[in-house]
N, C-alpha and C. Protein backbone atom coordinates (compact mmCIF):
# COMPACT_ATOMS: atom_id res chain seq x y z
N UNK A 1 -49.35 -21.67 38.57
CA UNK A 1 -49.35 -23.13 38.46
C UNK A 1 -49.46 -23.51 36.98
N UNK A 2 -48.51 -24.31 36.53
CA UNK A 2 -48.50 -24.73 35.13
C UNK A 2 -49.44 -25.91 34.95
N UNK A 3 -50.27 -25.82 33.91
CA UNK A 3 -51.18 -26.92 33.60
C UNK A 3 -51.18 -27.17 32.10
N UNK A 4 -51.25 -28.44 31.75
CA UNK A 4 -51.48 -28.85 30.36
C UNK A 4 -52.81 -29.59 30.37
N UNK A 5 -53.78 -29.04 29.65
CA UNK A 5 -55.11 -29.61 29.63
C UNK A 5 -55.40 -30.18 28.25
N UNK A 6 -55.66 -31.47 28.21
CA UNK A 6 -55.89 -32.17 26.96
C UNK A 6 -57.38 -32.26 26.64
N UNK A 7 -57.66 -32.31 25.35
CA UNK A 7 -59.03 -32.55 24.88
C UNK A 7 -58.94 -33.35 23.58
N UNK A 8 -60.07 -33.96 23.23
CA UNK A 8 -60.10 -34.81 22.06
C UNK A 8 -60.00 -36.26 22.48
N UNK A 9 -59.73 -37.11 21.54
CA UNK A 9 -59.66 -38.54 21.83
C UNK A 9 -61.03 -39.18 21.77
N UNK A 10 -61.08 -40.47 22.14
CA UNK A 10 -62.35 -41.19 22.12
C UNK A 10 -62.23 -42.49 21.37
N UNK A 11 -63.38 -42.97 20.89
CA UNK A 11 -63.47 -44.25 20.19
C UNK A 11 -63.69 -44.02 18.71
N UNK A 12 -62.93 -44.70 17.89
CA UNK A 12 -63.04 -44.56 16.44
C UNK A 12 -62.76 -45.91 15.79
N UNK A 13 -63.33 -46.12 14.62
CA UNK A 13 -63.06 -47.35 13.88
C UNK A 13 -61.72 -47.25 13.16
N UNK A 14 -61.15 -48.39 12.89
CA UNK A 14 -59.90 -48.43 12.14
C UNK A 14 -60.05 -47.68 10.82
N UNK A 15 -59.05 -46.90 10.49
CA UNK A 15 -59.10 -46.08 9.29
C UNK A 15 -59.63 -44.68 9.53
N UNK A 16 -60.19 -44.46 10.70
CA UNK A 16 -60.75 -43.16 11.04
C UNK A 16 -59.70 -42.17 11.50
N UNK A 17 -60.18 -41.01 11.95
CA UNK A 17 -59.28 -39.94 12.36
C UNK A 17 -59.75 -39.30 13.67
N UNK A 18 -58.80 -38.79 14.41
CA UNK A 18 -59.08 -38.04 15.64
C UNK A 18 -58.07 -36.90 15.75
N UNK A 19 -58.45 -35.88 16.50
CA UNK A 19 -57.54 -34.77 16.76
C UNK A 19 -57.46 -34.53 18.26
N UNK A 20 -56.23 -34.48 18.75
CA UNK A 20 -55.99 -34.17 20.15
C UNK A 20 -55.47 -32.74 20.27
N UNK A 21 -55.88 -32.08 21.35
CA UNK A 21 -55.38 -30.74 21.64
C UNK A 21 -54.77 -30.71 23.04
N UNK A 22 -53.83 -29.81 23.23
CA UNK A 22 -53.17 -29.66 24.52
C UNK A 22 -52.98 -28.17 24.76
N UNK A 23 -53.73 -27.62 25.70
CA UNK A 23 -53.67 -26.20 25.99
C UNK A 23 -52.88 -25.97 27.27
N UNK A 24 -51.86 -25.13 27.17
CA UNK A 24 -51.01 -24.84 28.32
C UNK A 24 -51.42 -23.55 28.99
N UNK A 25 -51.28 -23.52 30.30
CA UNK A 25 -51.53 -22.30 31.05
C UNK A 25 -50.51 -22.20 32.18
N UNK A 26 -50.34 -21.01 32.70
CA UNK A 26 -49.40 -20.81 33.80
C UNK A 26 -48.04 -20.34 33.37
N UNK A 27 -47.67 -20.60 32.14
CA UNK A 27 -46.43 -20.08 31.55
C UNK A 27 -46.48 -20.27 30.05
N UNK A 28 -45.61 -19.58 29.36
CA UNK A 28 -45.55 -19.68 27.91
C UNK A 28 -44.53 -20.74 27.52
N UNK A 29 -44.90 -21.56 26.53
CA UNK A 29 -44.00 -22.61 26.06
C UNK A 29 -43.55 -22.36 24.62
N UNK A 30 -43.59 -21.11 24.18
CA UNK A 30 -43.28 -20.81 22.78
C UNK A 30 -41.82 -21.08 22.42
N UNK A 31 -40.94 -21.23 23.40
CA UNK A 31 -39.55 -21.56 23.11
C UNK A 31 -39.20 -22.95 23.60
N UNK A 32 -40.20 -23.74 23.90
CA UNK A 32 -39.97 -25.06 24.50
C UNK A 32 -40.41 -26.19 23.60
N UNK A 33 -39.66 -27.27 23.68
CA UNK A 33 -40.07 -28.49 23.00
C UNK A 33 -41.35 -29.01 23.64
N UNK A 34 -42.28 -29.47 22.81
CA UNK A 34 -43.49 -30.11 23.29
C UNK A 34 -43.68 -31.41 22.52
N UNK A 35 -44.46 -32.30 23.08
CA UNK A 35 -44.62 -33.57 22.39
C UNK A 35 -45.83 -34.36 22.85
N UNK A 36 -46.05 -35.43 22.12
CA UNK A 36 -47.10 -36.40 22.44
C UNK A 36 -46.46 -37.75 22.70
N UNK A 37 -46.94 -38.40 23.74
CA UNK A 37 -46.48 -39.73 24.11
C UNK A 37 -47.72 -40.59 24.34
N UNK A 38 -47.55 -41.90 24.36
CA UNK A 38 -48.69 -42.76 24.61
C UNK A 38 -48.26 -43.98 25.42
N UNK A 39 -49.24 -44.54 26.09
CA UNK A 39 -48.98 -45.74 26.90
C UNK A 39 -50.14 -46.70 26.75
N UNK A 40 -49.82 -47.86 26.22
CA UNK A 40 -50.81 -48.92 26.08
C UNK A 40 -50.77 -49.81 27.33
N UNK A 41 -51.85 -50.54 27.60
CA UNK A 41 -51.87 -51.41 28.80
C UNK A 41 -50.70 -52.39 28.79
N UNK A 42 -50.02 -52.45 29.91
CA UNK A 42 -48.91 -53.39 30.05
C UNK A 42 -47.63 -52.98 29.36
N UNK A 43 -47.62 -51.78 28.79
CA UNK A 43 -46.42 -51.31 28.08
C UNK A 43 -45.91 -50.02 28.69
N UNK A 44 -44.66 -49.71 28.38
CA UNK A 44 -44.08 -48.46 28.85
C UNK A 44 -44.57 -47.29 27.99
N UNK A 45 -44.49 -46.10 28.56
CA UNK A 45 -44.84 -44.91 27.81
C UNK A 45 -43.84 -44.74 26.66
N UNK A 46 -44.36 -44.41 25.48
CA UNK A 46 -43.49 -44.27 24.32
C UNK A 46 -43.73 -42.96 23.59
N UNK A 47 -42.70 -42.51 22.96
CA UNK A 47 -42.74 -41.28 22.18
C UNK A 47 -43.58 -41.48 20.93
N UNK A 48 -44.39 -40.48 20.60
CA UNK A 48 -45.20 -40.49 19.39
C UNK A 48 -44.72 -39.42 18.41
N UNK A 49 -44.68 -38.19 18.88
CA UNK A 49 -44.26 -37.07 18.02
C UNK A 49 -43.84 -35.91 18.91
N UNK A 50 -42.84 -35.16 18.46
CA UNK A 50 -42.39 -33.98 19.19
C UNK A 50 -42.18 -32.83 18.23
N UNK A 51 -42.23 -31.62 18.77
CA UNK A 51 -42.11 -30.42 17.96
C UNK A 51 -41.27 -29.39 18.69
N UNK A 52 -40.43 -28.70 17.96
CA UNK A 52 -39.56 -27.70 18.57
C UNK A 52 -40.36 -26.47 18.99
N UNK A 53 -39.72 -25.61 19.77
CA UNK A 53 -40.39 -24.42 20.26
C UNK A 53 -40.93 -23.53 19.15
N UNK A 54 -40.17 -23.41 18.08
CA UNK A 54 -40.60 -22.57 16.95
C UNK A 54 -41.64 -23.25 16.08
N UNK A 55 -41.72 -24.58 16.22
CA UNK A 55 -42.61 -25.34 15.35
C UNK A 55 -41.96 -25.75 14.04
N UNK A 56 -40.72 -25.34 13.84
CA UNK A 56 -40.07 -25.60 12.58
C UNK A 56 -39.47 -26.99 12.44
N UNK A 57 -39.37 -27.71 13.53
CA UNK A 57 -38.78 -29.05 13.50
C UNK A 57 -39.69 -30.03 14.20
N UNK A 58 -39.93 -31.16 13.55
CA UNK A 58 -40.77 -32.21 14.13
C UNK A 58 -40.08 -33.56 13.95
N UNK A 59 -40.40 -34.47 14.85
CA UNK A 59 -39.89 -35.83 14.77
C UNK A 59 -41.03 -36.78 15.12
N UNK A 60 -41.13 -37.87 14.37
CA UNK A 60 -42.20 -38.83 14.59
C UNK A 60 -41.63 -40.23 14.84
N UNK A 61 -42.35 -41.00 15.63
CA UNK A 61 -42.03 -42.41 15.76
C UNK A 61 -42.32 -43.08 14.42
N UNK A 62 -41.54 -44.09 14.09
CA UNK A 62 -41.73 -44.78 12.81
C UNK A 62 -43.15 -45.34 12.67
N UNK A 63 -43.72 -45.75 13.76
CA UNK A 63 -45.04 -46.39 13.73
C UNK A 63 -46.16 -45.43 13.32
N UNK A 64 -45.94 -44.12 13.43
CA UNK A 64 -47.00 -43.16 13.11
C UNK A 64 -46.63 -42.24 11.94
N UNK A 65 -45.42 -42.36 11.46
CA UNK A 65 -44.95 -41.48 10.39
C UNK A 65 -45.84 -41.61 9.17
N UNK A 66 -46.24 -40.48 8.62
CA UNK A 66 -47.10 -40.46 7.45
C UNK A 66 -48.59 -40.52 7.78
N UNK A 67 -48.92 -40.80 9.03
CA UNK A 67 -50.33 -40.87 9.45
C UNK A 67 -50.69 -39.78 10.45
N UNK A 68 -49.76 -39.43 11.31
CA UNK A 68 -50.01 -38.42 12.35
C UNK A 68 -49.28 -37.13 11.99
N UNK A 69 -49.84 -36.01 12.45
CA UNK A 69 -49.20 -34.71 12.24
C UNK A 69 -49.29 -33.89 13.52
N UNK A 70 -48.13 -33.44 14.00
CA UNK A 70 -48.06 -32.60 15.19
C UNK A 70 -47.94 -31.15 14.76
N UNK A 71 -48.58 -30.25 15.48
CA UNK A 71 -48.49 -28.83 15.17
C UNK A 71 -48.71 -28.04 16.45
N UNK A 72 -48.43 -26.75 16.38
CA UNK A 72 -48.63 -25.91 17.54
C UNK A 72 -48.98 -24.49 17.12
N UNK A 73 -49.73 -23.82 17.97
CA UNK A 73 -50.06 -22.40 17.78
C UNK A 73 -49.54 -21.68 19.02
N UNK A 74 -48.37 -21.11 18.91
CA UNK A 74 -47.75 -20.47 20.07
C UNK A 74 -48.56 -19.28 20.58
N UNK A 75 -49.26 -18.62 19.68
CA UNK A 75 -50.10 -17.49 20.11
C UNK A 75 -51.20 -17.93 21.06
N UNK A 76 -51.59 -19.22 20.92
CA UNK A 76 -52.63 -19.78 21.79
C UNK A 76 -52.05 -20.71 22.86
N UNK A 77 -50.72 -20.86 22.84
CA UNK A 77 -50.08 -21.76 23.80
C UNK A 77 -50.68 -23.16 23.74
N UNK A 78 -50.93 -23.61 22.51
CA UNK A 78 -51.65 -24.87 22.29
C UNK A 78 -50.93 -25.73 21.26
N UNK A 79 -50.98 -27.03 21.49
CA UNK A 79 -50.37 -28.01 20.58
C UNK A 79 -51.45 -28.99 20.15
N UNK A 80 -51.27 -29.57 18.96
CA UNK A 80 -52.26 -30.49 18.41
C UNK A 80 -51.59 -31.76 17.90
N UNK A 81 -52.40 -32.81 17.81
CA UNK A 81 -51.97 -34.04 17.15
C UNK A 81 -53.13 -34.52 16.28
N UNK A 82 -52.95 -34.43 14.98
CA UNK A 82 -53.94 -34.94 14.04
C UNK A 82 -53.58 -36.37 13.73
N UNK A 83 -54.49 -37.27 13.99
CA UNK A 83 -54.23 -38.70 13.79
C UNK A 83 -55.16 -39.22 12.71
N UNK A 84 -54.58 -39.66 11.61
CA UNK A 84 -55.34 -40.19 10.48
C UNK A 84 -55.01 -41.67 10.29
N UNK A 85 -55.84 -42.35 9.53
CA UNK A 85 -55.63 -43.77 9.22
C UNK A 85 -55.31 -44.56 10.48
N UNK A 86 -56.12 -44.37 11.49
CA UNK A 86 -55.85 -45.00 12.78
C UNK A 86 -55.96 -46.52 12.70
N UNK A 87 -55.11 -47.18 13.49
CA UNK A 87 -55.05 -48.63 13.54
C UNK A 87 -55.34 -49.10 14.97
N UNK A 88 -55.81 -50.32 15.13
CA UNK A 88 -56.05 -50.83 16.49
C UNK A 88 -54.82 -50.72 17.39
N UNK A 89 -53.64 -50.87 16.83
CA UNK A 89 -52.42 -50.78 17.64
C UNK A 89 -52.11 -49.37 18.10
N UNK A 90 -52.87 -48.39 17.64
CA UNK A 90 -52.72 -47.02 18.14
C UNK A 90 -53.50 -46.82 19.45
N UNK A 91 -54.26 -47.82 19.85
CA UNK A 91 -55.03 -47.72 21.09
C UNK A 91 -54.11 -47.55 22.28
N UNK A 92 -54.35 -46.49 23.05
CA UNK A 92 -53.50 -46.18 24.20
C UNK A 92 -54.04 -44.93 24.89
N UNK A 93 -53.48 -44.63 26.04
CA UNK A 93 -53.70 -43.32 26.67
C UNK A 93 -52.62 -42.39 26.13
N UNK A 94 -53.04 -41.27 25.59
CA UNK A 94 -52.13 -40.30 25.01
C UNK A 94 -51.90 -39.15 25.97
N UNK A 95 -50.63 -38.76 26.08
CA UNK A 95 -50.25 -37.67 26.98
C UNK A 95 -49.52 -36.58 26.20
N UNK A 96 -49.83 -35.33 26.50
CA UNK A 96 -49.01 -34.25 25.96
C UNK A 96 -47.99 -33.86 27.02
N UNK A 97 -46.90 -33.27 26.57
CA UNK A 97 -45.83 -32.91 27.48
C UNK A 97 -45.12 -31.66 26.99
N UNK A 98 -44.53 -30.93 27.94
CA UNK A 98 -43.78 -29.72 27.61
C UNK A 98 -42.50 -29.69 28.43
N UNK A 99 -41.46 -29.20 27.81
CA UNK A 99 -40.17 -29.12 28.48
C UNK A 99 -39.88 -27.69 28.93
N UNK A 100 -39.24 -27.55 30.08
CA UNK A 100 -38.79 -26.23 30.53
C UNK A 100 -37.30 -26.04 30.25
N UNK A 101 -36.67 -27.09 29.67
CA UNK A 101 -35.21 -27.07 29.53
C UNK A 101 -34.71 -27.18 28.11
N UNK A 102 -35.56 -27.65 27.19
CA UNK A 102 -35.11 -27.89 25.82
C UNK A 102 -36.00 -27.17 24.82
N UNK A 103 -35.37 -26.56 23.82
CA UNK A 103 -36.12 -25.89 22.76
C UNK A 103 -36.23 -26.78 21.52
N UNK A 104 -35.25 -27.68 21.35
CA UNK A 104 -35.30 -28.53 20.16
C UNK A 104 -36.22 -29.71 20.40
N UNK A 105 -36.67 -30.34 19.34
CA UNK A 105 -37.64 -31.42 19.43
C UNK A 105 -36.98 -32.73 19.85
N UNK A 106 -36.95 -32.97 21.14
CA UNK A 106 -36.34 -34.19 21.65
C UNK A 106 -37.38 -35.24 21.98
N UNK A 107 -37.14 -36.52 21.61
CA UNK A 107 -38.10 -37.58 21.91
C UNK A 107 -37.87 -38.23 23.28
N UNK A 108 -36.90 -37.73 24.04
CA UNK A 108 -36.58 -38.34 25.33
C UNK A 108 -37.64 -37.98 26.37
N UNK A 109 -38.27 -38.99 26.93
CA UNK A 109 -39.33 -38.77 27.91
C UNK A 109 -38.85 -37.95 29.09
N UNK A 110 -37.61 -38.19 29.51
CA UNK A 110 -37.11 -37.49 30.70
C UNK A 110 -36.72 -36.04 30.44
N UNK A 111 -36.90 -35.58 29.21
CA UNK A 111 -36.65 -34.17 28.90
C UNK A 111 -37.86 -33.30 29.21
N UNK A 112 -38.98 -33.92 29.52
CA UNK A 112 -40.24 -33.20 29.71
C UNK A 112 -40.60 -33.08 31.17
N UNK A 113 -40.99 -31.86 31.54
CA UNK A 113 -41.24 -31.55 32.94
C UNK A 113 -42.72 -31.44 33.29
N UNK A 114 -43.53 -31.17 32.29
CA UNK A 114 -44.96 -30.98 32.52
C UNK A 114 -45.74 -31.96 31.64
N UNK A 115 -46.77 -32.53 32.22
CA UNK A 115 -47.55 -33.55 31.52
C UNK A 115 -49.05 -33.24 31.63
N UNK A 116 -49.76 -33.57 30.55
CA UNK A 116 -51.21 -33.46 30.57
C UNK A 116 -51.83 -34.61 31.35
N UNK A 117 -53.14 -34.56 31.48
CA UNK A 117 -53.84 -35.54 32.30
C UNK A 117 -54.04 -36.88 31.60
N UNK A 118 -53.77 -36.93 30.31
CA UNK A 118 -53.96 -38.16 29.55
C UNK A 118 -55.37 -38.25 28.99
N UNK A 119 -55.47 -38.82 27.80
CA UNK A 119 -56.77 -39.03 27.18
C UNK A 119 -56.77 -40.36 26.44
N UNK A 120 -57.84 -41.10 26.58
CA UNK A 120 -57.92 -42.42 25.99
C UNK A 120 -58.25 -42.33 24.50
N UNK A 121 -57.50 -43.05 23.70
CA UNK A 121 -57.81 -43.23 22.28
C UNK A 121 -57.98 -44.73 22.06
N UNK A 122 -59.15 -45.11 21.57
CA UNK A 122 -59.45 -46.51 21.31
C UNK A 122 -59.83 -46.68 19.85
N UNK A 123 -59.13 -47.56 19.17
CA UNK A 123 -59.39 -47.82 17.76
C UNK A 123 -59.90 -49.24 17.63
N UNK A 124 -61.12 -49.37 17.15
CA UNK A 124 -61.72 -50.70 17.00
C UNK A 124 -61.46 -51.24 15.61
N UNK A 125 -61.35 -52.55 15.53
CA UNK A 125 -61.05 -53.18 14.23
C UNK A 125 -62.32 -53.55 13.49
């Protein structure tokens, strides 16, 4: 059974930092695209950052570029999202995702087959 288990998140003041982790089990995703997405209340789920299977290619949403950094440790089957200079508009439930079909870093939500349980990130002003 494939599982993506998230950790991290929580409440932080604007300008602060948080780190999210996503540990996969049940299969190896070292050749698979993985990513982070988020969903704020009343809004659709949106792409935040994605990373290729090798880790050599990353893509970020314009809203987080220069503030967030996605990375992965394939030896640990784990992906991370370092979030710096957080803003109130970053408040959302964050989800990690993994694809069984794509190796390149695609931001398309429907490219991902496995999803984490979600973790709340709240940034106070």
